[in-house]
Each structure stands twice: as C-alpha cells, then as structure tokens.
Amino acid sequence: MVVRLTDTWTEILRRRASNSNTGAYAEPVRDMLGEMVAAAALMQSNIKFDGSLTLQIFGDGPVKLAVVEVQPDLALRATATVIGSVEPTTTLSQMVNVANAGRCAITLDPNSKFPGQQPYQGVVPLFDDQGHKLEKLSAVLEHYMLQSEQLDTTLVLAANDQVAAGLLIQRLPMAGSGNLAGSMVSKENEDQIGLNEHYNRIAILAGTLQRDELLTLDVDTILRRLFWEEQITRFEPLVGDTAPHFACTCSRERVGKMIVGLGQEEAQGILAERADIEVACEFCGAQYRFDAVDAAQLFTAAVLRVPGGTEPH
C-alpha cells in the first residue's frame, strides 16, 4: 500500500505556520509529523476500522507530544507540541527520546461501543529489544506491528514541506482477518515471523526505496522500479471524497463542554482577569471565544440538563 499526501499535508503545515503563538514547525519536527501522518493513513486504510485511529508519540525531549488522528473516511488532522528549540540536525531520539523514556501509542476508538467498552491502545518504547534508541519512525512502527499482530511489516516513510508519503508492505496472516487490536495473534503467524521467503524477498526490494524517490516519483514508477520482476495487480487509487483529506472535529459545542468541565469557579476566575475565555484548536487553529454571558449560559444549561431529558431551548 502506498500513500502520497500533498494538499492535505500542506494544509496542515499552512495552519500551523499561520498560528502566531507557535509559528511553523522546525524542519525535523515537520518531517517526523509528516511521516506519522503518512503512516497513520496507511494503517487506517489497511485495517478498515470503523472508528478513529490515533497515532501518538509522547516525548521526553523538546517535542512533548506529536499526534495524528485518522477517521474511517480517512479524514485526518495532526499537531505537535514543541517546548524549546529544535535544530536542523536534530535526530528522532533527540526530539522525543532523550533518556529512553519516549513512547509510541496507537489507539483504536470504535464508533459503536458495547456498554463499558474502552478504546484499545497499544504502547511500545522508542528503543529496540537491546535497548538501543531507534532513529527511524518506521522502525518504531514495524516493532509495534510485530508485537500487536505478530506479522512482519516493512514501512518506508518520508516527508518534506510539500509531500508526506509512505509505503507499507505486510505479510498476510495465515488465516482469517484482523486489525491492530491483536485479533491475528496466533501460533501460525508467530511461526512465520522472519521466515516467509516471499515476504522477505518483497521486503528487501521495498527497503531499497530511497527517501527522495518516495517524495518525487509517482506510484506507478515506484512499483515498476521496485517490483519489475513481480506480478502486480494495481488497484484504483482513492480519489476525491474517498481519499485522505484534512478535517477537524473541533466545534464550539465541544469547547463549551470542556469549559463546563473546568468548573464554574475556574471559568469565573479567567473572566475576572480578561474579557473572555479564548480557546484555540491546536489541530486547525480555529479560535473560540466565550464572554461572561456565554459562560453563564453554558453553566445554566449544564444545571438544567437532566439524565434522560433534553437540553433547554
């Protein structure tokens, strides 16, 4: 599976650059987040999961959090929280894994949940089995996929200021179907790890793909260069509304609920110091403002709302 994001990716970068509080991402942060966006789109499309897939990296360096959220229709959004400066030569571990405390998490949150059902989350460290720091996001995610699905996976990821792209190669399960939640874990799959000669051949070919090739070449050229001796069935690409696209799920209603969650005393304390409560969405940059009247209406509605009732008009 191959993904190549252009307009979607540059829209994410444009919104970040237009944020007067943060400014544009430093190049290493930009490239890491772009690789995360490409990888998350690949994984969501691969598992066809009816719910959101969220890919996060919790860092112990200047990048405290990087997160990508992809919906079932491949609507996606992404952001990173950066504290301190990131130099152009900063590596992955220097950004997010200085003391080997960084973690990568993938969360699957179903749209339809059973009573009491919680989202599934898997977490892996940013180092290998020997404790060595991983310097490629692809290696982190390959390790995650091997642990969660017990299936060999090869990822090639790249991003710059115009393109976020990725190539995913994965060995098919011995039987049945599953997803990142681990339903494919089986003795048969485990026994094939690293031993399937067909997968190994394809993975070696895929691993020769260079960053510049992934960023500049069209998909047909990439497939032809890598797998010219293989029999390829080329599926039609996703275009238009079915293709990955930027979208944010923030709304004034959701922000209002967050303010209610802070509590009336906290809200009044903010309003005592300034004219309104201002909340900016870190994903899309939208600004939401609530003055004293707005806040009073929020808490009045919260008091009047009763279980099983309707919201006041």
C-alpha atoms as a PDB file:
ATOM      1  CA  MET A   1       0.000   0.000   0.000  1.00  0.00           C
ATOM      2  CA  VAL A   2       1.271   3.446  -0.962  1.00  0.00           C
ATOM      3  CA  VAL A   3       0.098   6.856   0.214  1.00  0.00           C
ATOM      4  CA  ARG A   4       1.155  10.218  -1.159  1.00  0.00           C
ATOM      5  CA  LEU A   5      -0.290  13.303   0.549  1.00  0.00           C
ATOM      6  CA  THR A   6       0.172  16.756  -0.958  1.00  0.00           C
ATOM      7  CA  ASP A   7      -2.733  19.210  -0.468  1.00  0.00           C
ATOM      8  CA  THR A   8      -3.738  17.509   2.793  1.00  0.00           C
ATOM      9  CA  TRP A   9      -0.236  17.783   4.213  1.00  0.00           C
ATOM     10  CA  THR A  10       0.442  21.349   3.077  1.00  0.00           C
ATOM     11  CA  GLU A  11      -2.905  22.421   4.602  1.00  0.00           C
ATOM     12  CA  ILE A  12      -1.776  21.065   7.987  1.00  0.00           C
ATOM     13  CA  LEU A  13       1.515  22.945   7.655  1.00  0.00           C
ATOM     14  CA  ARG A  14      -0.210  26.153   6.488  1.00  0.00           C
ATOM     15  CA  ARG A  15      -2.492  26.222   9.514  1.00  0.00           C
ATOM     16  CA  ARG A  16       0.454  25.697  11.857  1.00  0.00           C
ATOM     17  CA  ALA A  17       2.550  28.399  10.190  1.00  0.00           C
ATOM     18  CA  SER A  18      -0.350  30.890  10.455  1.00  0.00           C
ATOM     19  CA  ASN A  19      -0.578  30.367  14.234  1.00  0.00           C
ATOM     20  CA  SER A  20       1.004  33.493  15.701  1.00  0.00           C
ATOM     21  CA  ASN A  21       1.659  31.743  19.021  1.00  0.00           C
ATOM     22  CA  THR A  22       3.651  28.834  17.635  1.00  0.00           C
ATOM     23  CA  GLY A  23       4.806  29.607  14.113  1.00  0.00           C
ATOM     24  CA  ALA A  24       5.870  26.932  11.639  1.00  0.00           C
ATOM     25  CA  TYR A  25       7.397  23.630  12.690  1.00  0.00           C
ATOM     26  CA  ALA A  26      11.163  23.248  12.677  1.00  0.00           C
ATOM     27  CA  GLU A  27      12.247  21.015   9.791  1.00  0.00           C
ATOM     28  CA  PRO A  28      12.951  17.851  11.855  1.00  0.00           C
ATOM     29  CA  VAL A  29       9.592  18.161  13.654  1.00  0.00           C
ATOM     30  CA  ARG A  30       7.818  18.774  10.349  1.00  0.00           C
ATOM     31  CA  ASP A  31       9.358  15.709   8.746  1.00  0.00           C
ATOM     32  CA  MET A  32       8.606  13.467  11.743  1.00  0.00           C
ATOM     33  CA  LEU A  33       4.976  14.608  11.895  1.00  0.00           C
ATOM     34  CA  GLY A  34       4.641  14.145   8.131  1.00  0.00           C
ATOM     35  CA  GLU A  35       5.891  10.577   8.413  1.00  0.00           C
ATOM     36  CA  MET A  36       3.378   9.996  11.206  1.00  0.00           C
ATOM     37  CA  VAL A  37       0.562  11.341   9.023  1.00  0.00           C
ATOM     38  CA  ALA A  38       1.520   9.032   6.145  1.00  0.00           C
ATOM     39  CA  ALA A  39       1.870   6.021   8.459  1.00  0.00           C
ATOM     40  CA  ALA A  40      -1.453   6.638  10.222  1.00  0.00           C
ATOM     41  CA  ALA A  41      -3.279   6.949   6.888  1.00  0.00           C
ATOM     42  CA  LEU A  42      -1.719   3.677   5.723  1.00  0.00           C
ATOM     43  CA  MET A  43      -2.658   1.828   8.902  1.00  0.00           C
ATOM     44  CA  GLN A  44      -6.242   3.111   8.999  1.00  0.00           C
ATOM     45  CA  SER A  45      -6.772   2.182   5.362  1.00  0.00           C
ATOM     46  CA  ASN A  46      -5.136  -1.208   5.873  1.00  0.00           C
ATOM     47  CA  ILE A  47      -7.332  -2.314   8.775  1.00  0.00           C
ATOM     48  CA  LYS A  48     -10.606  -0.716   7.536  1.00  0.00           C
ATOM     49  CA  PHE A  49     -11.582   0.021  11.126  1.00  0.00           C
ATOM     50  CA  ASP A  50     -14.965   1.626  11.932  1.00  0.00           C
ATOM     51  CA  GLY A  51     -13.608   4.165  14.340  1.00  0.00           C
ATOM     52  CA  SER A  52     -10.751   6.596  14.788  1.00  0.00           C
ATOM     53  CA  LEU A  53      -7.109   5.578  14.748  1.00  0.00           C
ATOM     54  CA  THR A  54      -4.814   7.834  16.744  1.00  0.00           C
ATOM     55  CA  LEU A  55      -1.032   7.618  16.473  1.00  0.00           C
ATOM     56  CA  GLN A  56       0.864   9.424  19.243  1.00  0.00           C
ATOM     57  CA  ILE A  57       4.445   9.884  20.332  1.00  0.00           C
ATOM     58  CA  PHE A  58       4.998  11.024  23.915  1.00  0.00           C
ATOM     59  CA  GLY A  59       8.433  12.581  24.110  1.00  0.00           C
ATOM     60  CA  ASP A  60      10.952  13.391  26.823  1.00  0.00           C
ATOM     61  CA  GLY A  61      12.775  15.888  24.614  1.00  0.00           C
ATOM     62  CA  PRO A  62      11.689  19.229  23.131  1.00  0.00           C
ATOM     63  CA  VAL A  63       8.784  17.525  21.304  1.00  0.00           C
ATOM     64  CA  LYS A  64       6.473  16.607  24.168  1.00  0.00           C
ATOM     65  CA  LEU A  65       3.654  15.222  22.060  1.00  0.00           C
ATOM     66  CA  ALA A  66       3.002  14.525  18.391  1.00  0.00           C
ATOM     67  CA  VAL A  67      -0.403  13.181  17.430  1.00  0.00           C
ATOM     68  CA  VAL A  68      -2.259  12.178  14.268  1.00  0.00           C
ATOM     69  CA  GLU A  69      -5.931  11.215  14.218  1.00  0.00           C
ATOM     70  CA  VAL A  70      -7.497   9.439  11.214  1.00  0.00           C
ATOM     71  CA  GLN A  71     -11.218   8.727  10.845  1.00  0.00           C
ATOM     72  CA  PRO A  72     -12.715   5.763   8.900  1.00  0.00           C
ATOM     73  CA  ASP A  73     -13.292   8.019   5.867  1.00  0.00           C
ATOM     74  CA  LEU A  74      -9.579   8.971   6.023  1.00  0.00           C
ATOM     75  CA  ALA A  75     -10.321  12.471   7.313  1.00  0.00           C
ATOM     76  CA  LEU A  76      -7.219  13.342   9.304  1.00  0.00           C
ATOM     77  CA  ARG A  77      -5.646  16.001  11.470  1.00  0.00           C
ATOM     78  CA  ALA A  78      -2.255  16.316  13.149  1.00  0.00           C
ATOM     79  CA  THR A  79      -0.340  18.504  15.571  1.00  0.00           C
ATOM     80  CA  ALA A  80       2.816  18.553  17.665  1.00  0.00           C
ATOM     81  CA  THR A  81       3.605  20.298  20.938  1.00  0.00           C
ATOM     82  CA  VAL A  82       7.148  21.650  20.967  1.00  0.00           C
ATOM     83  CA  ILE A  83       8.852  23.149  24.004  1.00  0.00           C
ATOM     84  CA  GLY A  84      12.257  24.616  23.303  1.00  0.00           C
ATOM     85  CA  SER A  85      14.279  24.870  20.114  1.00  0.00           C
ATOM     86  CA  VAL A  86      14.884  22.082  17.605  1.00  0.00           C
ATOM     87  CA  GLU A  87      17.989  22.471  15.469  1.00  0.00           C
ATOM     88  CA  PRO A  88      18.016  21.390  11.779  1.00  0.00           C
ATOM     89  CA  THR A  89      20.267  18.415  12.544  1.00  0.00           C
ATOM     90  CA  THR A  90      18.202  17.112  15.491  1.00  0.00           C
ATOM     91  CA  THR A  91      17.560  13.357  15.305  1.00  0.00           C
ATOM     92  CA  LEU A  92      14.398  11.471  16.255  1.00  0.00           C
ATOM     93  CA  SER A  93      15.782  10.376  19.619  1.00  0.00           C
ATOM     94  CA  GLN A  94      16.987  13.909  20.404  1.00  0.00           C
ATOM     95  CA  MET A  95      13.472  15.221  19.755  1.00  0.00           C
ATOM     96  CA  VAL A  96      11.416  12.619  21.611  1.00  0.00           C
ATOM     97  CA  ASN A  97      13.606  10.050  23.362  1.00  0.00           C
ATOM     98  CA  VAL A  98      16.488  11.752  25.135  1.00  0.00           C
ATOM     99  CA  ALA A  99      16.534   9.457  28.204  1.00  0.00           C
ATOM    100  CA  ASN A 100      14.836   6.450  26.546  1.00  0.00           C
ATOM    101  CA  ALA A 101      11.536   7.471  28.143  1.00  0.00           C
ATOM    102  CA  GLY A 102       9.716   8.259  24.890  1.00  0.00           C
ATOM    103  CA  ARG A 103       6.763   6.081  23.873  1.00  0.00           C
ATOM    104  CA  CYS A 104       4.667   5.445  20.773  1.00  0.00           C
ATOM    105  CA  ALA A 105       0.964   4.656  21.210  1.00  0.00           C
ATOM    106  CA  ILE A 106      -1.742   3.603  18.776  1.00  0.00           C
ATOM    107  CA  THR A 107      -5.341   3.940  19.942  1.00  0.00           C
ATOM    108  CA  LEU A 108      -8.369   2.438  18.202  1.00  0.00           C
ATOM    109  CA  ASP A 109     -11.637   4.013  19.328  1.00  0.00           C
ATOM    110  CA  PRO A 110     -14.709   2.258  17.822  1.00  0.00           C
ATOM    111  CA  ASN A 111     -17.623   4.415  16.696  1.00  0.00           C
ATOM    112  CA  SER A 112     -20.029   1.863  18.154  1.00  0.00           C
ATOM    113  CA  LYS A 113     -19.070   0.607  21.609  1.00  0.00           C
ATOM    114  CA  PHE A 114     -20.536  -2.079  23.800  1.00  0.00           C
ATOM    115  CA  PRO A 115     -21.510  -0.921  27.320  1.00  0.00           C
ATOM    116  CA  GLY A 116     -18.310  -0.421  29.268  1.00  0.00           C
ATOM    117  CA  GLN A 117     -16.076  -0.981  26.233  1.00  0.00           C
ATOM    118  CA  GLN A 118     -12.905   1.065  26.256  1.00  0.00           C
ATOM    119  CA  PRO A 119     -10.753   2.067  23.288  1.00  0.00           C
ATOM    120  CA  TYR A 120      -7.906  -0.348  22.541  1.00  0.00           C
ATOM    121  CA  GLN A 121      -4.436   1.083  22.999  1.00  0.00           C
ATOM    122  CA  GLY A 122      -1.038  -0.453  22.400  1.00  0.00           C
ATOM    123  CA  VAL A 123       2.190   1.220  23.530  1.00  0.00           C
ATOM    124  CA  VAL A 124       5.796   0.499  22.573  1.00  0.00           C
ATOM    125  CA  PRO A 125       9.062   2.174  23.602  1.00  0.00           C
ATOM    126  CA  LEU A 126      11.259   4.070  21.175  1.00  0.00           C
ATOM    127  CA  PHE A 127      14.106   1.587  21.518  1.00  0.00           C
ATOM    128  CA  ASP A 128      14.750  -1.919  20.215  1.00  0.00           C
ATOM    129  CA  ASP A 129      14.971  -5.223  22.100  1.00  0.00           C
ATOM    130  CA  GLN A 130      18.579  -4.447  23.042  1.00  0.00           C
ATOM    131  CA  GLY A 131      17.695  -1.016  24.440  1.00  0.00           C
ATOM    132  CA  HIS A 132      19.225   0.898  21.533  1.00  0.00           C
ATOM    133  CA  LYS A 133      17.432   4.102  20.577  1.00  0.00           C
ATOM    134  CA  LEU A 134      15.528   3.928  17.294  1.00  0.00           C
ATOM    135  CA  GLU A 135      16.224   6.789  14.900  1.00  0.00           C
ATOM    136  CA  LYS A 136      13.508   5.994  12.353  1.00  0.00           C
ATOM    137  CA  LEU A 137       9.778   6.219  12.933  1.00  0.00           C
ATOM    138  CA  SER A 138       9.359   3.327  10.503  1.00  0.00           C
ATOM    139  CA  ALA A 139      11.405   1.063  12.780  1.00  0.00           C
ATOM    140  CA  VAL A 140       9.244   2.025  15.778  1.00  0.00           C
ATOM    141  CA  LEU A 141       6.039   1.185  13.925  1.00  0.00           C
ATOM    142  CA  GLU A 142       7.418  -2.055  12.475  1.00  0.00           C
ATOM    143  CA  HIS A 143       8.212  -3.123  16.033  1.00  0.00           C
ATOM    144  CA  TYR A 144       4.682  -2.192  17.113  1.00  0.00           C
ATOM    145  CA  MET A 145       3.067  -4.177  14.283  1.00  0.00           C
ATOM    146  CA  LEU A 146       5.198  -7.212  15.035  1.00  0.00           C
ATOM    147  CA  GLN A 147       4.164  -7.138  18.696  1.00  0.00           C
ATOM    148  CA  SER A 148       0.467  -6.430  18.138  1.00  0.00           C
ATOM    149  CA  GLU A 149      -0.255  -8.608  15.098  1.00  0.00           C
ATOM    150  CA  GLN A 150       2.747 -10.929  15.012  1.00  0.00           C
ATOM    151  CA  LEU A 151       3.012 -10.109  11.317  1.00  0.00           C
ATOM    152  CA  ASP A 152       6.156  -8.980   9.519  1.00  0.00           C
ATOM    153  CA  THR A 153       5.817  -5.382   8.335  1.00  0.00           C
ATOM    154  CA  THR A 154       8.043  -3.088   6.302  1.00  0.00           C
ATOM    155  CA  LEU A 155       7.463   0.668   6.250  1.00  0.00           C
ATOM    156  CA  VAL A 156       9.256   3.300   4.208  1.00  0.00           C
ATOM    157  CA  LEU A 157       8.289   6.850   5.210  1.00  0.00           C
ATOM    158  CA  ALA A 158       9.347  10.319   4.087  1.00  0.00           C
ATOM    159  CA  ALA A 159       8.131  13.908   4.328  1.00  0.00           C
ATOM    160  CA  ASN A 160       9.175  17.430   3.421  1.00  0.00           C
ATOM    161  CA  ASP A 161       7.350  20.753   3.115  1.00  0.00           C
ATOM    162  CA  GLN A 162       5.284  19.586   0.128  1.00  0.00           C
ATOM    163  CA  VAL A 163       4.720  15.832   0.429  1.00  0.00           C
ATOM    164  CA  ALA A 164       4.118  13.227   3.135  1.00  0.00           C
ATOM    165  CA  ALA A 165       4.451   9.729   1.702  1.00  0.00           C
ATOM    166  CA  GLY A 166       4.705   6.120   2.782  1.00  0.00           C
ATOM    167  CA  LEU A 167       4.974   2.556   1.504  1.00  0.00           C
ATOM    168  CA  LEU A 168       3.582  -0.345   3.569  1.00  0.00           C
ATOM    169  CA  ILE A 169       4.453  -3.994   2.938  1.00  0.00           C
ATOM    170  CA  GLN A 170       2.887  -6.579   5.247  1.00  0.00           C
ATOM    171  CA  ARG A 171       2.811 -10.377   5.250  1.00  0.00           C
ATOM    172  CA  LEU A 172      -0.739 -11.641   5.059  1.00  0.00           C
ATOM    173  CA  PRO A 173      -1.999 -13.620   8.068  1.00  0.00           C
ATOM    174  CA  MET A 174      -2.038 -17.390   7.787  1.00  0.00           C
ATOM    175  CA  ALA A 175      -5.841 -17.391   8.118  1.00  0.00           C
ATOM    176  CA  GLY A 176      -8.748 -15.066   8.780  1.00  0.00           C
ATOM    177  CA  SER A 177      -8.671 -11.315   9.089  1.00  0.00           C
ATOM    178  CA  GLY A 178      -7.993  -8.890  11.905  1.00  0.00           C
ATOM    179  CA  ASN A 179      -6.708  -5.499  12.899  1.00  0.00           C
ATOM    180  CA  LEU A 180      -4.227  -3.707  15.123  1.00  0.00           C
ATOM    181  CA  ALA A 181      -6.114  -4.835  18.211  1.00  0.00           C
ATOM    182  CA  GLY A 182      -4.292  -8.135  18.022  1.00  0.00           C
ATOM    183  CA  SER A 183      -7.005 -10.485  16.754  1.00  0.00           C
ATOM    184  CA  MET A 184      -4.498 -12.033  14.350  1.00  0.00           C
ATOM    185  CA  VAL A 185      -2.142 -13.210  17.071  1.00  0.00           C
ATOM    186  CA  SER A 186      -1.733 -16.933  16.581  1.00  0.00           C
ATOM    187  CA  LYS A 187       0.854 -19.674  16.728  1.00  0.00           C
ATOM    188  CA  GLU A 188       0.754 -19.984  12.932  1.00  0.00           C
ATOM    189  CA  ASN A 189       1.525 -16.314  12.433  1.00  0.00           C
ATOM    190  CA  GLU A 190       4.238 -16.332  15.087  1.00  0.00           C
ATOM    191  CA  ASP A 191       5.959 -19.325  13.491  1.00  0.00           C
ATOM    192  CA  GLN A 192       6.233 -17.440  10.185  1.00  0.00           C
ATOM    193  CA  ILE A 193       7.921 -14.328  11.614  1.00  0.00           C
ATOM    194  CA  GLY A 194      11.044 -13.635   9.561  1.00  0.00           C
ATOM    195  CA  LEU A 195      10.833 -16.962   7.735  1.00  0.00           C
ATOM    196  CA  ASN A 196       8.424 -16.419   4.850  1.00  0.00           C
ATOM    197  CA  GLU A 197      10.660 -16.299   1.782  1.00  0.00           C
ATOM    198  CA  HIS A 198       8.115 -14.488  -0.404  1.00  0.00           C
ATOM    199  CA  TYR A 199       7.617 -11.718   2.117  1.00  0.00           C
ATOM    200  CA  ASN A 200      11.363 -11.446   2.738  1.00  0.00           C
ATOM    201  CA  ARG A 201      12.032 -11.005  -0.982  1.00  0.00           C
ATOM    202  CA  ILE A 202       9.408  -8.260  -1.336  1.00  0.00           C
ATOM    203  CA  ALA A 203      10.570  -6.565   1.876  1.00  0.00           C
ATOM    204  CA  ILE A 204      14.187  -6.458   0.686  1.00  0.00           C
ATOM    205  CA  LEU A 205      13.088  -4.842  -2.569  1.00  0.00           C
ATOM    206  CA  ALA A 206      10.897  -2.343  -0.729  1.00  0.00           C
ATOM    207  CA  GLY A 207      13.768  -1.479   1.593  1.00  0.00           C
ATOM    208  CA  THR A 208      15.834  -0.210  -1.353  1.00  0.00           C
ATOM    209  CA  LEU A 209      13.403   2.672  -1.895  1.00  0.00           C
ATOM    210  CA  GLN A 210      15.174   5.942  -1.148  1.00  0.00           C
ATOM    211  CA  ARG A 211      13.656   8.965   0.567  1.00  0.00           C
ATOM    212  CA  ASP A 212      13.956  11.208  -2.491  1.00  0.00           C
ATOM    213  CA  GLU A 213      12.356   8.556  -4.696  1.00  0.00           C
ATOM    214  CA  LEU A 214       9.375   8.222  -2.383  1.00  0.00           C
ATOM    215  CA  LEU A 215       8.922  12.001  -2.288  1.00  0.00           C
ATOM    216  CA  THR A 216       9.313  12.726  -6.005  1.00  0.00           C
ATOM    217  CA  LEU A 217       8.204   9.680  -8.025  1.00  0.00           C
ATOM    218  CA  ASP A 218       4.642   8.745  -8.900  1.00  0.00           C
ATOM    219  CA  VAL A 219       3.251   5.447  -7.611  1.00  0.00           C
ATOM    220  CA  ASP A 220       3.449   3.568 -10.923  1.00  0.00           C
ATOM    221  CA  THR A 221       7.118   4.461 -11.302  1.00  0.00           C
ATOM    222  CA  ILE A 222       7.875   3.348  -7.739  1.00  0.00           C
ATOM    223  CA  LEU A 223       6.134  -0.014  -8.215  1.00  0.00           C
ATOM    224  CA  ARG A 224       7.820  -0.576 -11.549  1.00  0.00           C
ATOM    225  CA  ARG A 225      11.284   0.215 -10.181  1.00  0.00           C
ATOM    226  CA  LEU A 226      10.914  -1.916  -7.072  1.00  0.00           C
ATOM    227  CA  PHE A 227       8.947  -4.914  -8.284  1.00  0.00           C
ATOM    228  CA  TRP A 228       9.625  -5.136 -12.030  1.00  0.00           C
ATOM    229  CA  GLU A 229      10.055  -8.922 -11.814  1.00  0.00           C
ATOM    230  CA  GLU A 230       6.898  -9.457  -9.739  1.00  0.00           C
ATOM    231  CA  GLN A 231       3.319  -9.896 -10.912  1.00  0.00           C
ATOM    232  CA  ILE A 232       1.475  -6.776  -9.778  1.00  0.00           C
ATOM    233  CA  THR A 233      -2.252  -6.160  -9.547  1.00  0.00           C
ATOM    234  CA  ARG A 234      -2.727  -2.412  -9.360  1.00  0.00           C
ATOM    235  CA  PHE A 235      -5.887  -1.288  -7.592  1.00  0.00           C
ATOM    236  CA  GLU A 236      -7.515   2.018  -8.464  1.00  0.00           C
ATOM    237  CA  PRO A 237      -6.323   4.824  -6.167  1.00  0.00           C
ATOM    238  CA  LEU A 238      -8.660   6.540  -3.740  1.00  0.00           C
ATOM    239  CA  VAL A 239      -9.602   9.978  -5.077  1.00  0.00           C
ATOM    240  CA  GLY A 240     -11.957  12.790  -4.156  1.00  0.00           C
ATOM    241  CA  ASP A 241     -14.042  12.292  -1.030  1.00  0.00           C
ATOM    242  CA  THR A 242     -12.699   8.747  -0.534  1.00  0.00           C
ATOM    243  CA  ALA A 243      -9.062   9.872  -0.419  1.00  0.00           C
ATOM    244  CA  PRO A 244      -7.243  11.126   2.697  1.00  0.00           C
ATOM    245  CA  HIS A 245      -8.204  14.721   3.445  1.00  0.00           C
ATOM    246  CA  PHE A 246      -7.780  17.269   6.198  1.00  0.00           C
ATOM    247  CA  ALA A 247     -10.717  17.729   8.569  1.00  0.00           C
ATOM    248  CA  CYS A 248     -11.028  18.784  12.199  1.00  0.00           C
ATOM    249  CA  THR A 249     -13.669  17.598  14.654  1.00  0.00           C
ATOM    250  CA  CYS A 250     -13.484  20.636  16.924  1.00  0.00           C
ATOM    251  CA  SER A 251     -16.638  22.733  17.443  1.00  0.00           C
ATOM    252  CA  ARG A 252     -17.942  25.494  19.668  1.00  0.00           C
ATOM    253  CA  GLU A 253     -20.177  22.943  21.397  1.00  0.00           C
ATOM    254  CA  ARG A 254     -17.247  20.670  22.261  1.00  0.00           C
ATOM    255  CA  VAL A 255     -15.194  23.601  23.549  1.00  0.00           C
ATOM    256  CA  GLY A 256     -18.179  24.688  25.650  1.00  0.00           C
ATOM    257  CA  LYS A 257     -18.339  21.252  27.252  1.00  0.00           C
ATOM    258  CA  MET A 258     -14.637  21.499  28.015  1.00  0.00           C
ATOM    259  CA  ILE A 259     -15.180  24.828  29.774  1.00  0.00           C
ATOM    260  CA  VAL A 260     -18.013  23.304  31.832  1.00  0.00           C
ATOM    261  CA  GLY A 261     -15.609  20.515  32.705  1.00  0.00           C
ATOM    262  CA  LEU A 262     -13.166  23.078  34.114  1.00  0.00           C
ATOM    263  CA  GLY A 263     -15.834  24.198  36.588  1.00  0.00           C
ATOM    264  CA  GLN A 264     -17.657  27.457  37.106  1.00  0.00           C
ATOM    265  CA  GLU A 265     -15.159  28.784  39.660  1.00  0.00           C
ATOM    266  CA  GLU A 266     -12.241  28.298  37.264  1.00  0.00           C
ATOM    267  CA  ALA A 267     -14.172  29.917  34.398  1.00  0.00           C
ATOM    268  CA  GLN A 268     -15.123  32.912  36.528  1.00  0.00           C
ATOM    269  CA  GLY A 269     -11.509  33.273  37.608  1.00  0.00           C
ATOM    270  CA  ILE A 270     -10.416  33.555  33.964  1.00  0.00           C
ATOM    271  CA  LEU A 271     -13.166  36.068  33.185  1.00  0.00           C
ATOM    272  CA  ALA A 272     -12.133  38.173  36.199  1.00  0.00           C
ATOM    273  CA  GLU A 273      -8.742  38.671  34.574  1.00  0.00           C
ATOM    274  CA  ARG A 274      -9.809  39.135  30.947  1.00  0.00           C
ATOM    275  CA  ALA A 275     -12.845  39.927  28.835  1.00  0.00           C
ATOM    276  CA  ASP A 276     -13.432  36.416  27.561  1.00  0.00           C
ATOM    277  CA  ILE A 277     -12.295  32.810  27.661  1.00  0.00           C
ATOM    278  CA  GLU A 278     -10.319  32.140  24.493  1.00  0.00           C
ATOM    279  CA  VAL A 279      -9.592  28.606  23.306  1.00  0.00           C
ATOM    280  CA  ALA A 280      -7.619  27.788  20.163  1.00  0.00           C
ATOM    281  CA  CYS A 281      -7.738  24.377  18.495  1.00  0.00           C
ATOM    282  CA  GLU A 282      -4.197  23.066  18.173  1.00  0.00           C
ATOM    283  CA  PHE A 283      -5.168  20.973  15.137  1.00  0.00           C
ATOM    284  CA  CYS A 284      -6.853  23.504  12.862  1.00  0.00           C
ATOM    285  CA  GLY A 285      -6.157  26.856  14.510  1.00  0.00           C
ATOM    286  CA  ALA A 286      -9.820  27.805  14.975  1.00  0.00           C
ATOM    287  CA  GLN A 287     -10.403  30.382  17.736  1.00  0.00           C
ATOM    288  CA  TYR A 288     -13.361  30.097  20.124  1.00  0.00           C
ATOM    289  CA  ARG A 289     -14.277  32.933  22.490  1.00  0.00           C
ATOM    290  CA  PHE A 290     -16.772  32.896  25.352  1.00  0.00           C
ATOM    291  CA  ASP A 291     -17.595  36.117  27.210  1.00  0.00           C
ATOM    292  CA  ALA A 292     -19.283  36.300  30.631  1.00  0.00           C
ATOM    293  CA  VAL A 293     -22.775  35.937  29.143  1.00  0.00           C
ATOM    294  CA  ASP A 294     -21.715  32.932  27.057  1.00  0.00           C
ATOM    295  CA  ALA A 295     -20.146  31.270  30.086  1.00  0.00           C
ATOM    296  CA  ALA A 296     -23.223  31.870  32.249  1.00  0.00           C
ATOM    297  CA  GLN A 297     -25.390  30.215  29.593  1.00  0.00           C
ATOM    298  CA  LEU A 298     -23.068  27.221  29.493  1.00  0.00           C
ATOM    299  CA  PHE A 299     -23.331  26.576  33.215  1.00  0.00           C
ATOM    300  CA  THR A 300     -27.071  27.303  33.324  1.00  0.00           C
ATOM    301  CA  ALA A 301     -27.624  24.712  30.604  1.00  0.00           C
ATOM    302  CA  ALA A 302     -25.430  22.239  32.491  1.00  0.00           C
ATOM    303  CA  VAL A 303     -27.527  22.658  35.642  1.00  0.00           C
ATOM    304  CA  LEU A 304     -30.848  22.336  33.796  1.00  0.00           C
ATOM    305  CA  ARG A 305     -29.776  19.279  31.820  1.00  0.00           C
ATOM    306  CA  VAL A 306     -31.033  16.103  33.485  1.00  0.00           C
ATOM    307  CA  PRO A 307     -30.367  12.423  32.653  1.00  0.00           C
ATOM    308  CA  GLY A 308     -32.783  11.234  30.007  1.00  0.00           C
ATOM    309  CA  GLY A 309     -34.071  14.760  29.401  1.00  0.00           C
ATOM    310  CA  THR A 310     -33.477  17.257  26.650  1.00  0.00           C
ATOM    311  CA  GLU A 311     -31.307  20.298  26.574  1.00  0.00           C
ATOM    312  CA  PRO A 312     -33.113  23.567  27.360  1.00  0.00           C
ATOM    313  CA  HIS A 313     -34.227  25.809  24.494  1.00  0.00           C
END
